[in-house]
Amino acid sequence: MITSSRRFSSSRFRIARRSAAGLCLLAGVALLSAGCAGVRPWERGPLSDYIMRPDRDTLADGLYEHVYFTREAAAGGRGVGGGGCGCN
């Protein structure tokens, strides 16, 4: 038979768990929405500059590919996870 004090502690635990879940959900929404920012038209010039492009330095990209091929014994596949061992 469940006593009234045990039933009370069970309901307190449920309320605490629900509020913790709500707090985690609120924190997640706050973190995800913090990255959303609009770029004004006069701010787009510096962002579209040549220096901001990830593929601007072909020599460095070639060197990176050479080092990666030498270490991992794999070529290409820069956009996928995993190494040359096949253990994704």
C-alpha atoms as a PDB file:
ATOM      1  CA  MET A   1       0.000   0.000   0.000  1.00  0.00           C
ATOM      2  CA  ILE A   2       1.327   3.450  -0.931  1.00  0.00           C
ATOM      3  CA  THR A   3       1.393   5.950   1.856  1.00  0.00           C
ATOM      4  CA  SER A   4       0.390   9.560   1.367  1.00  0.00           C
ATOM      5  CA  SER A   5       3.954  10.834   1.914  1.00  0.00           C
ATOM      6  CA  ARG A   6       5.275   8.520  -0.802  1.00  0.00           C
ATOM      7  CA  ARG A   7       2.543   9.630  -3.190  1.00  0.00           C
ATOM      8  CA  PHE A   8       3.395  13.266  -2.421  1.00  0.00           C
ATOM      9  CA  SER A   9       7.116  12.750  -3.123  1.00  0.00           C
ATOM     10  CA  SER A  10       6.258  10.991  -6.381  1.00  0.00           C
ATOM     11  CA  SER A  11       4.175  13.940  -7.562  1.00  0.00           C
ATOM     12  CA  ARG A  12       6.929  16.379  -6.536  1.00  0.00           C
ATOM     13  CA  PHE A  13       9.408  14.332  -8.560  1.00  0.00           C
ATOM     14  CA  ARG A  14       7.110  14.437 -11.584  1.00  0.00           C
ATOM     15  CA  ILE A  15       6.719  18.208 -11.308  1.00  0.00           C
ATOM     16  CA  ALA A  16      10.475  18.697 -10.905  1.00  0.00           C
ATOM     17  CA  ARG A  17      11.192  16.464 -13.903  1.00  0.00           C
ATOM     18  CA  ARG A  18       8.629  18.294 -16.032  1.00  0.00           C
ATOM     19  CA  SER A  19      10.038  21.697 -15.100  1.00  0.00           C
ATOM     20  CA  ALA A  20      13.600  20.492 -15.822  1.00  0.00           C
ATOM     21  CA  ALA A  21      12.489  19.257 -19.240  1.00  0.00           C
ATOM     22  CA  GLY A  22      10.795  22.585 -19.928  1.00  0.00           C
ATOM     23  CA  LEU A  23      13.916  24.456 -18.879  1.00  0.00           C
ATOM     24  CA  CYS A  24      16.073  22.326 -21.195  1.00  0.00           C
ATOM     25  CA  LEU A  25      13.636  22.919 -24.046  1.00  0.00           C
ATOM     26  CA  LEU A  26      13.660  26.660 -23.395  1.00  0.00           C
ATOM     27  CA  ALA A  27      17.474  26.711 -23.294  1.00  0.00           C
ATOM     28  CA  GLY A  28      17.631  24.771 -26.575  1.00  0.00           C
ATOM     29  CA  VAL A  29      15.263  27.157 -28.318  1.00  0.00           C
ATOM     30  CA  ALA A  30      17.238  30.133 -27.006  1.00  0.00           C
ATOM     31  CA  LEU A  31      20.514  28.687 -28.268  1.00  0.00           C
ATOM     32  CA  LEU A  32      19.115  27.840 -31.687  1.00  0.00           C
ATOM     33  CA  SER A  33      17.445  31.194 -32.166  1.00  0.00           C
ATOM     34  CA  ALA A  34      20.574  33.107 -31.139  1.00  0.00           C
ATOM     35  CA  GLY A  35      22.248  32.172 -34.437  1.00  0.00           C
ATOM     36  CA  CYS A  36      19.459  33.619 -36.571  1.00  0.00           C
ATOM     37  CA  ALA A  37      20.450  37.083 -37.675  1.00  0.00           C
ATOM     38  CA  GLY A  38      19.455  39.121 -40.660  1.00  0.00           C
ATOM     39  CA  VAL A  39      22.156  40.713 -42.783  1.00  0.00           C
ATOM     40  CA  ARG A  40      21.390  44.253 -43.808  1.00  0.00           C
ATOM     41  CA  PRO A  41      22.122  45.298 -47.407  1.00  0.00           C
ATOM     42  CA  TRP A  42      25.021  47.560 -46.409  1.00  0.00           C
ATOM     43  CA  GLU A  43      26.621  44.661 -44.476  1.00  0.00           C
ATOM     44  CA  ARG A  44      26.691  42.295 -47.436  1.00  0.00           C
ATOM     45  CA  GLY A  45      29.709  43.862 -49.121  1.00  0.00           C
ATOM     46  CA  PRO A  46      32.336  42.648 -46.612  1.00  0.00           C
ATOM     47  CA  LEU A  47      30.699  39.222 -46.430  1.00  0.00           C
ATOM     48  CA  SER A  48      30.872  38.748 -50.179  1.00  0.00           C
ATOM     49  CA  ASP A  49      34.528  39.740 -50.346  1.00  0.00           C
ATOM     50  CA  TYR A  50      36.975  37.346 -51.990  1.00  0.00           C
ATOM     51  CA  ILE A  51      38.846  36.789 -48.724  1.00  0.00           C
ATOM     52  CA  MET A  52      35.689  35.276 -47.145  1.00  0.00           C
ATOM     53  CA  ARG A  53      35.499  32.440 -49.689  1.00  0.00           C
ATOM     54  CA  PRO A  54      36.549  29.019 -48.383  1.00  0.00           C
ATOM     55  CA  ASP A  55      38.005  27.974 -51.756  1.00  0.00           C
ATOM     56  CA  ARG A  56      40.105  31.097 -52.344  1.00  0.00           C
ATOM     57  CA  ASP A  57      43.503  29.446 -51.808  1.00  0.00           C
ATOM     58  CA  THR A  58      43.902  26.551 -54.228  1.00  0.00           C
ATOM     59  CA  LEU A  59      47.540  25.965 -53.255  1.00  0.00           C
ATOM     60  CA  ALA A  60      46.617  25.456 -49.594  1.00  0.00           C
ATOM     61  CA  ASP A  61      43.734  23.180 -50.610  1.00  0.00           C
ATOM     62  CA  GLY A  62      46.111  21.084 -52.691  1.00  0.00           C
ATOM     63  CA  LEU A  63      48.582  20.884 -49.806  1.00  0.00           C
ATOM     64  CA  TYR A  64      45.798  19.864 -47.430  1.00  0.00           C
ATOM     65  CA  GLU A  65      44.685  17.136 -49.835  1.00  0.00           C
ATOM     66  CA  HIS A  66      48.273  15.863 -50.143  1.00  0.00           C
ATOM     67  CA  VAL A  67      48.768  15.723 -46.364  1.00  0.00           C
ATOM     68  CA  TYR A  68      45.388  14.063 -45.858  1.00  0.00           C
ATOM     69  CA  PHE A  69      46.133  11.474 -48.555  1.00  0.00           C
ATOM     70  CA  THR A  70      49.538  10.764 -47.025  1.00  0.00           C
ATOM     71  CA  ARG A  71      48.220  10.296 -43.494  1.00  0.00           C
ATOM     72  CA  GLU A  72      44.959   8.507 -44.172  1.00  0.00           C
ATOM     73  CA  ALA A  73      45.821   6.591 -47.355  1.00  0.00           C
ATOM     74  CA  ALA A  74      42.589   7.901 -48.843  1.00  0.00           C
ATOM     75  CA  ALA A  75      41.901  10.442 -51.572  1.00  0.00           C
ATOM     76  CA  GLY A  76      38.921  12.749 -51.957  1.00  0.00           C
ATOM     77  CA  GLY A  77      35.720  12.551 -49.948  1.00  0.00           C
ATOM     78  CA  ARG A  78      36.213  15.760 -48.006  1.00  0.00           C
ATOM     79  CA  GLY A  79      32.472  16.180 -47.475  1.00  0.00           C
ATOM     80  CA  VAL A  80      31.783  12.871 -45.714  1.00  0.00           C
ATOM     81  CA  GLY A  81      32.669  11.618 -42.272  1.00  0.00           C
ATOM     82  CA  GLY A  82      35.016   8.804 -41.430  1.00  0.00           C
ATOM     83  CA  GLY A  83      38.613   8.088 -42.227  1.00  0.00           C
ATOM     84  CA  GLY A  84      40.406   5.861 -44.677  1.00  0.00           C
ATOM     85  CA  CYS A  85      39.889   2.799 -42.471  1.00  0.00           C
ATOM     86  CA  GLY A  86      36.219   2.393 -43.408  1.00  0.00           C
ATOM     87  CA  CYS A  87      34.910   2.641 -39.826  1.00  0.00           C
ATOM     88  CA  ASN A  88      32.414   5.490 -40.164  1.00  0.00           C
END
